[in-house]
ModelCIF file with pLDDT and N, C-alpha, C, O atoms, coordinates in Angstrom:
data_MODEL
#
_entry.id   MODEL 
#
_entity.id                         1 
_entity.type                       polymer 
_entity.pdbx_number_of_molecules   1 
#
_entity_poly.entity_id                      1 
_entity_poly.type                           'polypeptide(L)' 
_entity_poly.nstd_linkage                   no 
_entity_poly.nstd_monomer                   no 
_entity_poly.pdbx_seq_one_letter_code       
;(UNK)(UNK)(UNK)(UNK)(UNK)(UNK)(UNK)(UNK)(UNK)(UNK)(UNK)(UNK)(UNK)(UNK)(UNK)(UNK)
(UNK)(UNK)(UNK)(UNK)(UNK)(UNK)(UNK)(UNK)(UNK)(UNK)(UNK)(UNK)(UNK)(UNK)(UNK)(UNK)
(UNK)(UNK)(UNK)(UNK)(UNK)(UNK)(UNK)(UNK)(UNK)(UNK)(UNK)(UNK)(UNK)(UNK)
;
_entity_poly.pdbx_seq_one_letter_code_can   XXXXXXXXXXXXXXXXXXXXXXXXXXXXXXXXXXXXXXXXXXXXXX 
_entity_poly.pdbx_strand_id                 A 
#
loop_
_entity_poly_seq.entity_id 
_entity_poly_seq.num 
_entity_poly_seq.mon_id 
_entity_poly_seq.hetero 
1 1  UNK n 
1 2  UNK n 
1 3  UNK n 
1 4  UNK n 
1 5  UNK n 
1 6  UNK n 
1 7  UNK n 
1 8  UNK n 
1 9  UNK n 
1 10 UNK n 
1 11 UNK n 
1 12 UNK n 
1 13 UNK n 
1 14 UNK n 
1 15 UNK n 
1 16 UNK n 
1 17 UNK n 
1 18 UNK n 
1 19 UNK n 
1 20 UNK n 
1 21 UNK n 
1 22 UNK n 
1 23 UNK n 
1 24 UNK n 
1 25 UNK n 
1 26 UNK n 
1 27 UNK n 
1 28 UNK n 
1 29 UNK n 
1 30 UNK n 
1 31 UNK n 
1 32 UNK n 
1 33 UNK n 
1 34 UNK n 
1 35 UNK n 
1 36 UNK n 
1 37 UNK n 
1 38 UNK n 
1 39 UNK n 
1 40 UNK n 
1 41 UNK n 
1 42 UNK n 
1 43 UNK n 
1 44 UNK n 
1 45 UNK n 
1 46 UNK n 
#
_struct_asym.id          A 
_struct_asym.entity_id   1 
#
loop_
_ma_qa_metric.id 
_ma_qa_metric.mode 
_ma_qa_metric.name 
_ma_qa_metric.software_group_id 
_ma_qa_metric.type 
1 global pLDDT . pLDDT 
2 local  pLDDT . pLDDT 
#
_ma_qa_metric_global.metric_id      1 
_ma_qa_metric_global.metric_value   94.33 
_ma_qa_metric_global.model_id       1 
_ma_qa_metric_global.ordinal_id     1 
#
loop_
_ma_qa_metric_local.label_asym_id 
_ma_qa_metric_local.label_comp_id 
_ma_qa_metric_local.label_seq_id 
_ma_qa_metric_local.metric_id 
_ma_qa_metric_local.metric_value 
_ma_qa_metric_local.model_id 
_ma_qa_metric_local.ordinal_id 
A UNK 1  2 80.00 1 1  
A UNK 2  2 89.00 1 2  
A UNK 3  2 90.00 1 3  
A UNK 4  2 94.00 1 4  
A UNK 5  2 97.00 1 5  
A UNK 6  2 97.00 1 6  
A UNK 7  2 97.00 1 7  
A UNK 8  2 97.00 1 8  
A UNK 9  2 96.00 1 9  
A UNK 10 2 94.00 1 10 
A UNK 11 2 93.00 1 11 
A UNK 12 2 92.00 1 12 
A UNK 13 2 95.00 1 13 
A UNK 14 2 96.00 1 14 
A UNK 15 2 97.00 1 15 
A UNK 16 2 97.00 1 16 
A UNK 17 2 97.00 1 17 
A UNK 18 2 98.00 1 18 
A UNK 19 2 98.00 1 19 
A UNK 20 2 98.00 1 20 
A UNK 21 2 98.00 1 21 
A UNK 22 2 98.00 1 22 
A UNK 23 2 98.00 1 23 
A UNK 24 2 98.00 1 24 
A UNK 25 2 97.00 1 25 
A UNK 26 2 97.00 1 26 
A UNK 27 2 97.00 1 27 
A UNK 28 2 96.00 1 28 
A UNK 29 2 96.00 1 29 
A UNK 30 2 96.00 1 30 
A UNK 31 2 95.00 1 31 
A UNK 32 2 96.00 1 32 
A UNK 33 2 97.00 1 33 
A UNK 34 2 95.00 1 34 
A UNK 35 2 95.00 1 35 
A UNK 36 2 97.00 1 36 
A UNK 37 2 96.00 1 37 
A UNK 38 2 94.00 1 38 
A UNK 39 2 95.00 1 39 
A UNK 40 2 94.00 1 40 
A UNK 41 2 91.00 1 41 
A UNK 42 2 91.00 1 42 
A UNK 43 2 91.00 1 43 
A UNK 44 2 87.00 1 44 
A UNK 45 2 83.00 1 45 
A UNK 46 2 79.00 1 46 
#
loop_
_atom_site.group_PDB 
_atom_site.id 
_atom_site.type_symbol 
_atom_site.label_atom_id 
_atom_site.label_alt_id 
_atom_site.label_comp_id 
_atom_site.label_asym_id 
_atom_site.label_entity_id 
_atom_site.label_seq_id 
_atom_site.pdbx_PDB_ins_code 
_atom_site.Cartn_x 
_atom_site.Cartn_y 
_atom_site.Cartn_z 
_atom_site.occupancy 
_atom_site.B_iso_or_equiv 
_atom_site.pdbx_formal_charge 
_atom_site.auth_seq_id 
_atom_site.auth_comp_id 
_atom_site.auth_asym_id 
_atom_site.auth_atom_id 
_atom_site.pdbx_PDB_model_num 
ATOM 1   N N  . UNK A 1 1  ? -0.597 -17.004 -15.274 1.00 80.00 ? 1  UNK A N  1 
ATOM 2   C CA . UNK A 1 1  ? 0.488  -17.284 -14.373 1.00 80.00 ? 1  UNK A CA 1 
ATOM 3   C C  . UNK A 1 1  ? 1.895  -18.104 -14.389 1.00 80.00 ? 1  UNK A C  1 
ATOM 4   O O  . UNK A 1 1  ? 1.843  -19.299 -14.680 1.00 80.00 ? 1  UNK A O  1 
ATOM 5   N N  . UNK A 1 2  ? 2.995  -17.580 -14.124 1.00 89.00 ? 2  UNK A N  1 
ATOM 6   C CA . UNK A 1 2  ? 4.269  -17.914 -14.401 1.00 89.00 ? 2  UNK A CA 1 
ATOM 7   C C  . UNK A 1 2  ? 4.079  -19.522 -12.960 1.00 89.00 ? 2  UNK A C  1 
ATOM 8   O O  . UNK A 1 2  ? 3.301  -19.659 -12.017 1.00 89.00 ? 2  UNK A O  1 
ATOM 9   N N  . UNK A 1 3  ? 5.838  -20.900 -13.796 1.00 90.00 ? 3  UNK A N  1 
ATOM 10  C CA . UNK A 1 3  ? 4.470  -21.721 -12.816 1.00 90.00 ? 3  UNK A CA 1 
ATOM 11  C C  . UNK A 1 3  ? 5.931  -21.431 -11.326 1.00 90.00 ? 3  UNK A C  1 
ATOM 12  O O  . UNK A 1 3  ? 6.059  -22.034 -10.261 1.00 90.00 ? 3  UNK A O  1 
ATOM 13  N N  . UNK A 1 4  ? 6.540  -20.603 -11.756 1.00 94.00 ? 4  UNK A N  1 
ATOM 14  C CA . UNK A 1 4  ? 7.830  -20.673 -10.309 1.00 94.00 ? 4  UNK A CA 1 
ATOM 15  C C  . UNK A 1 4  ? 8.049  -19.876 -10.373 1.00 94.00 ? 4  UNK A C  1 
ATOM 16  O O  . UNK A 1 4  ? 8.446  -19.433 -11.450 1.00 94.00 ? 4  UNK A O  1 
ATOM 17  N N  . UNK A 1 5  ? 7.907  -18.745 -8.744  1.00 97.00 ? 5  UNK A N  1 
ATOM 18  C CA . UNK A 1 5  ? 8.684  -17.007 -9.271  1.00 97.00 ? 5  UNK A CA 1 
ATOM 19  C C  . UNK A 1 5  ? 9.621  -17.217 -7.391  1.00 97.00 ? 5  UNK A C  1 
ATOM 20  O O  . UNK A 1 5  ? 9.223  -17.731 -6.345  1.00 97.00 ? 5  UNK A O  1 
ATOM 21  N N  . UNK A 1 6  ? 10.788 -16.601 -7.729  1.00 97.00 ? 6  UNK A N  1 
ATOM 22  C CA . UNK A 1 6  ? 11.385 -15.946 -6.575  1.00 97.00 ? 6  UNK A CA 1 
ATOM 23  C C  . UNK A 1 6  ? 10.839 -14.975 -6.086  1.00 97.00 ? 6  UNK A C  1 
ATOM 24  O O  . UNK A 1 6  ? 10.888 -13.854 -6.592  1.00 97.00 ? 6  UNK A O  1 
ATOM 25  N N  . UNK A 1 7  ? 10.041 -15.355 -4.684  1.00 97.00 ? 7  UNK A N  1 
ATOM 26  C CA . UNK A 1 7  ? 8.960  -14.240 -3.964  1.00 97.00 ? 7  UNK A CA 1 
ATOM 27  C C  . UNK A 1 7  ? 10.197 -12.955 -3.330  1.00 97.00 ? 7  UNK A C  1 
ATOM 28  O O  . UNK A 1 7  ? 11.119 -13.567 -2.792  1.00 97.00 ? 7  UNK A O  1 
ATOM 29  N N  . UNK A 1 8  ? 10.383 -11.689 -3.281  1.00 97.00 ? 8  UNK A N  1 
ATOM 30  C CA . UNK A 1 8  ? 11.377 -10.475 -2.964  1.00 97.00 ? 8  UNK A CA 1 
ATOM 31  C C  . UNK A 1 8  ? 10.388 -9.963  -1.661  1.00 97.00 ? 8  UNK A C  1 
ATOM 32  O O  . UNK A 1 8  ? 9.226  -10.368 -1.670  1.00 97.00 ? 8  UNK A O  1 
ATOM 33  N N  . UNK A 1 9  ? 10.734 -9.280  -0.797  1.00 96.00 ? 9  UNK A N  1 
ATOM 34  C CA . UNK A 1 9  ? 10.327 -8.790  0.347   1.00 96.00 ? 9  UNK A CA 1 
ATOM 35  C C  . UNK A 1 9  ? 9.588  -7.456  -0.145  1.00 96.00 ? 9  UNK A C  1 
ATOM 36  O O  . UNK A 1 9  ? 10.060 -6.566  -0.853  1.00 96.00 ? 9  UNK A O  1 
ATOM 37  N N  . UNK A 1 10 ? 7.900  -7.577  0.593   1.00 94.00 ? 10 UNK A N  1 
ATOM 38  C CA . UNK A 1 10 ? 7.308  -6.780  0.382   1.00 94.00 ? 10 UNK A CA 1 
ATOM 39  C C  . UNK A 1 10 ? 7.087  -5.489  0.843   1.00 94.00 ? 10 UNK A C  1 
ATOM 40  O O  . UNK A 1 10 ? 6.068  -5.334  1.517   1.00 94.00 ? 10 UNK A O  1 
ATOM 41  N N  . UNK A 1 11 ? 8.275  -3.877  0.505   1.00 93.00 ? 11 UNK A N  1 
ATOM 42  C CA . UNK A 1 11 ? 8.721  -3.607  1.548   1.00 93.00 ? 11 UNK A CA 1 
ATOM 43  C C  . UNK A 1 11 ? 8.599  -2.188  0.717   1.00 93.00 ? 11 UNK A C  1 
ATOM 44  O O  . UNK A 1 11 ? 8.678  -1.196  1.441   1.00 93.00 ? 11 UNK A O  1 
ATOM 45  N N  . UNK A 1 12 ? 8.426  -1.949  -0.635  1.00 92.00 ? 12 UNK A N  1 
ATOM 46  C CA . UNK A 1 12 ? 8.511  -0.647  -1.120  1.00 92.00 ? 12 UNK A CA 1 
ATOM 47  C C  . UNK A 1 12 ? 9.036  -0.528  -2.021  1.00 92.00 ? 12 UNK A C  1 
ATOM 48  O O  . UNK A 1 12 ? 8.569  0.270   -2.834  1.00 92.00 ? 12 UNK A O  1 
ATOM 49  N N  . UNK A 1 13 ? 10.390 -1.322  -2.380  1.00 95.00 ? 13 UNK A N  1 
ATOM 50  C CA . UNK A 1 13 ? 11.790 -1.871  -2.607  1.00 95.00 ? 13 UNK A CA 1 
ATOM 51  C C  . UNK A 1 13 ? 11.764 -2.695  -3.521  1.00 95.00 ? 13 UNK A C  1 
ATOM 52  O O  . UNK A 1 13 ? 12.808 -2.843  -4.157  1.00 95.00 ? 13 UNK A O  1 
ATOM 53  N N  . UNK A 1 14 ? 10.360 -3.641  -3.953  1.00 96.00 ? 14 UNK A N  1 
ATOM 54  C CA . UNK A 1 14 ? 10.316 -5.124  -4.688  1.00 96.00 ? 14 UNK A CA 1 
ATOM 55  C C  . UNK A 1 14 ? 10.935 -4.882  -5.880  1.00 96.00 ? 14 UNK A C  1 
ATOM 56  O O  . UNK A 1 14 ? 11.331 -5.989  -6.245  1.00 96.00 ? 14 UNK A O  1 
ATOM 57  N N  . UNK A 1 15 ? 11.416 -3.616  -7.147  1.00 97.00 ? 15 UNK A N  1 
ATOM 58  C CA . UNK A 1 15 ? 11.676 -3.885  -8.212  1.00 97.00 ? 15 UNK A CA 1 
ATOM 59  C C  . UNK A 1 15 ? 12.854 -3.708  -8.153  1.00 97.00 ? 15 UNK A C  1 
ATOM 60  O O  . UNK A 1 15 ? 13.526 -4.117  -9.099  1.00 97.00 ? 15 UNK A O  1 
ATOM 61  N N  . UNK A 1 16 ? 13.611 -2.946  -6.867  1.00 97.00 ? 16 UNK A N  1 
ATOM 62  C CA . UNK A 1 16 ? 15.277 -3.285  -7.168  1.00 97.00 ? 16 UNK A CA 1 
ATOM 63  C C  . UNK A 1 16 ? 15.674 -4.168  -6.326  1.00 97.00 ? 16 UNK A C  1 
ATOM 64  O O  . UNK A 1 16 ? 16.848 -4.370  -6.013  1.00 97.00 ? 16 UNK A O  1 
ATOM 65  N N  . UNK A 1 17 ? 14.368 -4.944  -5.767  1.00 97.00 ? 17 UNK A N  1 
ATOM 66  C CA . UNK A 1 17 ? 14.752 -5.919  -4.724  1.00 97.00 ? 17 UNK A CA 1 
ATOM 67  C C  . UNK A 1 17 ? 16.001 -7.505  -5.903  1.00 97.00 ? 17 UNK A C  1 
ATOM 68  O O  . UNK A 1 17 ? 16.894 -8.343  -5.776  1.00 97.00 ? 17 UNK A O  1 
ATOM 69  N N  . UNK A 1 18 ? 14.833 -6.728  -7.121  1.00 98.00 ? 18 UNK A N  1 
ATOM 70  C CA . UNK A 1 18 ? 14.550 -7.780  -7.838  1.00 98.00 ? 18 UNK A CA 1 
ATOM 71  C C  . UNK A 1 18 ? 15.660 -8.265  -8.918  1.00 98.00 ? 18 UNK A C  1 
ATOM 72  O O  . UNK A 1 18 ? 15.980 -9.273  -9.548  1.00 98.00 ? 18 UNK A O  1 
ATOM 73  N N  . UNK A 1 19 ? 16.067 -6.841  -8.728  1.00 98.00 ? 19 UNK A N  1 
ATOM 74  C CA . UNK A 1 19 ? 17.007 -6.016  -10.025 1.00 98.00 ? 19 UNK A CA 1 
ATOM 75  C C  . UNK A 1 19 ? 18.165 -6.712  -9.342  1.00 98.00 ? 19 UNK A C  1 
ATOM 76  O O  . UNK A 1 19 ? 18.716 -7.679  -9.869  1.00 98.00 ? 19 UNK A O  1 
ATOM 77  N N  . UNK A 1 20 ? 18.549 -6.205  -8.128  1.00 98.00 ? 20 UNK A N  1 
ATOM 78  C CA . UNK A 1 20 ? 20.017 -6.876  -6.706  1.00 98.00 ? 20 UNK A CA 1 
ATOM 79  C C  . UNK A 1 20 ? 19.668 -8.457  -7.313  1.00 98.00 ? 20 UNK A C  1 
ATOM 80  O O  . UNK A 1 20 ? 20.456 -9.324  -7.692  1.00 98.00 ? 20 UNK A O  1 
ATOM 81  N N  . UNK A 1 21 ? 18.162 -8.470  -7.245  1.00 98.00 ? 21 UNK A N  1 
ATOM 82  C CA . UNK A 1 21 ? 18.454 -10.324 -7.187  1.00 98.00 ? 21 UNK A CA 1 
ATOM 83  C C  . UNK A 1 21 ? 19.259 -11.255 -8.611  1.00 98.00 ? 21 UNK A C  1 
ATOM 84  O O  . UNK A 1 21 ? 20.156 -12.085 -8.464  1.00 98.00 ? 21 UNK A O  1 
ATOM 85  N N  . UNK A 1 22 ? 18.556 -10.775 -10.128 1.00 98.00 ? 22 UNK A N  1 
ATOM 86  C CA . UNK A 1 22 ? 18.473 -10.867 -10.904 1.00 98.00 ? 22 UNK A CA 1 
ATOM 87  C C  . UNK A 1 22 ? 20.843 -10.846 -11.248 1.00 98.00 ? 22 UNK A C  1 
ATOM 88  O O  . UNK A 1 22 ? 21.592 -11.750 -11.617 1.00 98.00 ? 22 UNK A O  1 
ATOM 89  N N  . UNK A 1 23 ? 21.038 -9.840  -10.989 1.00 98.00 ? 23 UNK A N  1 
ATOM 90  C CA . UNK A 1 23 ? 22.009 -9.498  -11.124 1.00 98.00 ? 23 UNK A CA 1 
ATOM 91  C C  . UNK A 1 23 ? 23.395 -10.209 -10.091 1.00 98.00 ? 23 UNK A C  1 
ATOM 92  O O  . UNK A 1 23 ? 24.453 -10.775 -10.367 1.00 98.00 ? 23 UNK A O  1 
ATOM 93  N N  . UNK A 1 24 ? 22.803 -9.871  -9.005  1.00 98.00 ? 24 UNK A N  1 
ATOM 94  C CA . UNK A 1 24 ? 23.859 -10.789 -7.942  1.00 98.00 ? 24 UNK A CA 1 
ATOM 95  C C  . UNK A 1 24 ? 23.698 -12.568 -7.306  1.00 98.00 ? 24 UNK A C  1 
ATOM 96  O O  . UNK A 1 24 ? 24.526 -13.422 -6.992  1.00 98.00 ? 24 UNK A O  1 
ATOM 97  N N  . UNK A 1 25 ? 21.962 -12.517 -7.343  1.00 97.00 ? 25 UNK A N  1 
ATOM 98  C CA . UNK A 1 25 ? 21.722 -13.884 -6.790  1.00 97.00 ? 25 UNK A CA 1 
ATOM 99  C C  . UNK A 1 25 ? 21.155 -12.926 -4.856  1.00 97.00 ? 25 UNK A C  1 
ATOM 100 O O  . UNK A 1 25 ? 20.454 -13.403 -3.964  1.00 97.00 ? 25 UNK A O  1 
ATOM 101 N N  . UNK A 1 26 ? 21.516 -12.213 -4.890  1.00 97.00 ? 26 UNK A N  1 
ATOM 102 C CA . UNK A 1 26 ? 20.799 -11.916 -3.335  1.00 97.00 ? 26 UNK A CA 1 
ATOM 103 C C  . UNK A 1 26 ? 20.058 -10.051 -3.421  1.00 97.00 ? 26 UNK A C  1 
ATOM 104 O O  . UNK A 1 26 ? 20.618 -9.056  -3.881  1.00 97.00 ? 26 UNK A O  1 
ATOM 105 N N  . UNK A 1 27 ? 18.665 -10.162 -2.794  1.00 97.00 ? 27 UNK A N  1 
ATOM 106 C CA . UNK A 1 27 ? 18.450 -8.983  -2.627  1.00 97.00 ? 27 UNK A CA 1 
ATOM 107 C C  . UNK A 1 27 ? 19.261 -7.732  -1.936  1.00 97.00 ? 27 UNK A C  1 
ATOM 108 O O  . UNK A 1 27 ? 19.179 -6.518  -2.128  1.00 97.00 ? 27 UNK A O  1 
ATOM 109 N N  . UNK A 1 28 ? 20.196 -8.633  -0.926  1.00 96.00 ? 28 UNK A N  1 
ATOM 110 C CA . UNK A 1 28 ? 20.670 -7.591  -0.393  1.00 96.00 ? 28 UNK A CA 1 
ATOM 111 C C  . UNK A 1 28 ? 21.098 -5.943  -1.055  1.00 96.00 ? 28 UNK A C  1 
ATOM 112 O O  . UNK A 1 28 ? 21.087 -4.870  -0.452  1.00 96.00 ? 28 UNK A O  1 
ATOM 113 N N  . UNK A 1 29 ? 21.574 -6.315  -2.946  1.00 96.00 ? 29 UNK A N  1 
ATOM 114 C CA . UNK A 1 29 ? 22.070 -4.618  -3.098  1.00 96.00 ? 29 UNK A CA 1 
ATOM 115 C C  . UNK A 1 29 ? 21.230 -3.539  -3.618  1.00 96.00 ? 29 UNK A C  1 
ATOM 116 O O  . UNK A 1 29 ? 21.535 -2.714  -4.480  1.00 96.00 ? 29 UNK A O  1 
ATOM 117 N N  . UNK A 1 30 ? 20.121 -3.658  -2.970  1.00 96.00 ? 30 UNK A N  1 
ATOM 118 C CA . UNK A 1 30 ? 18.768 -3.019  -3.610  1.00 96.00 ? 30 UNK A CA 1 
ATOM 119 C C  . UNK A 1 30 ? 18.644 -1.323  -3.517  1.00 96.00 ? 30 UNK A C  1 
ATOM 120 O O  . UNK A 1 30 ? 18.101 -0.422  -4.155  1.00 96.00 ? 30 UNK A O  1 
ATOM 121 N N  . UNK A 1 31 ? 19.750 -1.519  -1.952  1.00 95.00 ? 31 UNK A N  1 
ATOM 122 C CA . UNK A 1 31 ? 19.322 0.485   -1.957  1.00 95.00 ? 31 UNK A CA 1 
ATOM 123 C C  . UNK A 1 31 ? 20.818 0.599   -3.361  1.00 95.00 ? 31 UNK A C  1 
ATOM 124 O O  . UNK A 1 31 ? 20.755 1.352   -4.333  1.00 95.00 ? 31 UNK A O  1 
ATOM 125 N N  . UNK A 1 32 ? 21.512 0.045   -3.185  1.00 96.00 ? 32 UNK A N  1 
ATOM 126 C CA . UNK A 1 32 ? 22.449 0.286   -4.493  1.00 96.00 ? 32 UNK A CA 1 
ATOM 127 C C  . UNK A 1 32 ? 22.066 -0.021  -5.557  1.00 96.00 ? 32 UNK A C  1 
ATOM 128 O O  . UNK A 1 32 ? 22.620 0.730   -6.360  1.00 96.00 ? 32 UNK A O  1 
ATOM 129 N N  . UNK A 1 33 ? 21.372 -0.758  -6.099  1.00 97.00 ? 33 UNK A N  1 
ATOM 130 C CA . UNK A 1 33 ? 20.883 -0.708  -7.446  1.00 97.00 ? 33 UNK A CA 1 
ATOM 131 C C  . UNK A 1 33 ? 20.195 0.312   -7.688  1.00 97.00 ? 33 UNK A C  1 
ATOM 132 O O  . UNK A 1 33 ? 20.436 0.815   -8.786  1.00 97.00 ? 33 UNK A O  1 
ATOM 133 N N  . UNK A 1 34 ? 19.125 1.007   -6.839  1.00 95.00 ? 34 UNK A N  1 
ATOM 134 C CA . UNK A 1 34 ? 18.023 2.133   -6.547  1.00 95.00 ? 34 UNK A CA 1 
ATOM 135 C C  . UNK A 1 34 ? 18.820 3.604   -7.137  1.00 95.00 ? 34 UNK A C  1 
ATOM 136 O O  . UNK A 1 34 ? 18.426 4.532   -7.844  1.00 95.00 ? 34 UNK A O  1 
ATOM 137 N N  . UNK A 1 35 ? 20.043 3.313   -6.504  1.00 95.00 ? 35 UNK A N  1 
ATOM 138 C CA . UNK A 1 35 ? 21.294 4.617   -6.621  1.00 95.00 ? 35 UNK A CA 1 
ATOM 139 C C  . UNK A 1 35 ? 21.862 5.050   -8.162  1.00 95.00 ? 35 UNK A C  1 
ATOM 140 O O  . UNK A 1 35 ? 21.706 6.080   -8.817  1.00 95.00 ? 35 UNK A O  1 
ATOM 141 N N  . UNK A 1 36 ? 22.605 3.769   -8.443  1.00 97.00 ? 36 UNK A N  1 
ATOM 142 C CA . UNK A 1 36 ? 22.230 3.237   -9.779  1.00 97.00 ? 36 UNK A CA 1 
ATOM 143 C C  . UNK A 1 36 ? 21.549 3.485   -10.734 1.00 97.00 ? 36 UNK A C  1 
ATOM 144 O O  . UNK A 1 36 ? 21.948 4.203   -11.651 1.00 97.00 ? 36 UNK A O  1 
ATOM 145 N N  . UNK A 1 37 ? 20.237 2.862   -10.694 1.00 96.00 ? 37 UNK A N  1 
ATOM 146 C CA . UNK A 1 37 ? 19.065 3.499   -11.077 1.00 96.00 ? 37 UNK A CA 1 
ATOM 147 C C  . UNK A 1 37 ? 18.862 5.110   -11.456 1.00 96.00 ? 37 UNK A C  1 
ATOM 148 O O  . UNK A 1 37 ? 18.394 5.303   -12.578 1.00 96.00 ? 37 UNK A O  1 
ATOM 149 N N  . UNK A 1 38 ? 19.079 5.971   -10.868 1.00 94.00 ? 38 UNK A N  1 
ATOM 150 C CA . UNK A 1 38 ? 18.785 7.394   -10.743 1.00 94.00 ? 38 UNK A CA 1 
ATOM 151 C C  . UNK A 1 38 ? 20.880 7.855   -10.974 1.00 94.00 ? 38 UNK A C  1 
ATOM 152 O O  . UNK A 1 38 ? 21.202 8.730   -10.171 1.00 94.00 ? 38 UNK A O  1 
ATOM 153 N N  . UNK A 1 39 ? 21.188 7.731   -11.207 1.00 95.00 ? 39 UNK A N  1 
ATOM 154 C CA . UNK A 1 39 ? 22.508 7.808   -11.303 1.00 95.00 ? 39 UNK A CA 1 
ATOM 155 C C  . UNK A 1 39 ? 22.691 7.899   -12.863 1.00 95.00 ? 39 UNK A C  1 
ATOM 156 O O  . UNK A 1 39 ? 22.871 8.885   -13.577 1.00 95.00 ? 39 UNK A O  1 
ATOM 157 N N  . UNK A 1 40 ? 22.609 6.835   -13.106 1.00 94.00 ? 40 UNK A N  1 
ATOM 158 C CA . UNK A 1 40 ? 21.689 6.569   -15.343 1.00 94.00 ? 40 UNK A CA 1 
ATOM 159 C C  . UNK A 1 40 ? 20.969 7.232   -15.710 1.00 94.00 ? 40 UNK A C  1 
ATOM 160 O O  . UNK A 1 40 ? 21.205 7.681   -16.832 1.00 94.00 ? 40 UNK A O  1 
ATOM 161 N N  . UNK A 1 41 ? 19.431 7.783   -14.879 1.00 91.00 ? 41 UNK A N  1 
ATOM 162 C CA . UNK A 1 41 ? 18.846 8.618   -15.430 1.00 91.00 ? 41 UNK A CA 1 
ATOM 163 C C  . UNK A 1 41 ? 19.075 9.805   -15.203 1.00 91.00 ? 41 UNK A C  1 
ATOM 164 O O  . UNK A 1 41 ? 18.464 10.681  -15.815 1.00 91.00 ? 41 UNK A O  1 
ATOM 165 N N  . UNK A 1 42 ? 20.113 10.120  -14.166 1.00 91.00 ? 42 UNK A N  1 
ATOM 166 C CA . UNK A 1 42 ? 20.269 11.591  -14.713 1.00 91.00 ? 42 UNK A CA 1 
ATOM 167 C C  . UNK A 1 42 ? 21.415 11.766  -15.810 1.00 91.00 ? 42 UNK A C  1 
ATOM 168 O O  . UNK A 1 42 ? 21.625 12.718  -16.562 1.00 91.00 ? 42 UNK A O  1 
ATOM 169 N N  . UNK A 1 43 ? 21.908 10.879  -15.707 1.00 91.00 ? 43 UNK A N  1 
ATOM 170 C CA . UNK A 1 43 ? 23.178 10.967  -16.979 1.00 91.00 ? 43 UNK A CA 1 
ATOM 171 C C  . UNK A 1 43 ? 22.808 10.509  -18.287 1.00 91.00 ? 43 UNK A C  1 
ATOM 172 O O  . UNK A 1 43 ? 23.595 10.729  -19.208 1.00 91.00 ? 43 UNK A O  1 
ATOM 173 N N  . UNK A 1 44 ? 21.602 9.835   -18.539 1.00 87.00 ? 44 UNK A N  1 
ATOM 174 C CA . UNK A 1 44 ? 22.049 9.104   -20.006 1.00 87.00 ? 44 UNK A CA 1 
ATOM 175 C C  . UNK A 1 44 ? 20.445 9.549   -20.372 1.00 87.00 ? 44 UNK A C  1 
ATOM 176 O O  . UNK A 1 44 ? 20.212 9.411   -21.573 1.00 87.00 ? 44 UNK A O  1 
ATOM 177 N N  . UNK A 1 45 ? 19.347 10.032  -19.614 1.00 83.00 ? 45 UNK A N  1 
ATOM 178 C CA . UNK A 1 45 ? 18.500 9.248   -20.117 1.00 83.00 ? 45 UNK A CA 1 
ATOM 179 C C  . UNK A 1 45 ? 17.653 10.698  -20.268 1.00 83.00 ? 45 UNK A C  1 
ATOM 180 O O  . UNK A 1 45 ? 16.490 10.701  -19.865 1.00 83.00 ? 45 UNK A O  1 
ATOM 181 N N  . UNK A 1 46 ? 18.101 11.668  -20.722 1.00 79.00 ? 46 UNK A N  1 
ATOM 182 C CA . UNK A 1 46 ? 17.646 12.902  -20.907 1.00 79.00 ? 46 UNK A CA 1 
ATOM 183 C C  . UNK A 1 46 ? 16.810 12.906  -22.104 1.00 79.00 ? 46 UNK A C  1 
ATOM 184 O O  . UNK A 1 46 ? 16.274 13.949  -22.479 1.00 79.00 ? 46 UNK A O  1 
#
């Protein structure tokens, strides 16, 4: 078990909240991060 966590909101968007947090320092961009990831998957991951 990790010694210390930054907990994010548990609303079904937690992974994208974590991604937003580690990049910007804020969860606020989780919806935009979700969109960015989706577009990347379509364009570069097939």
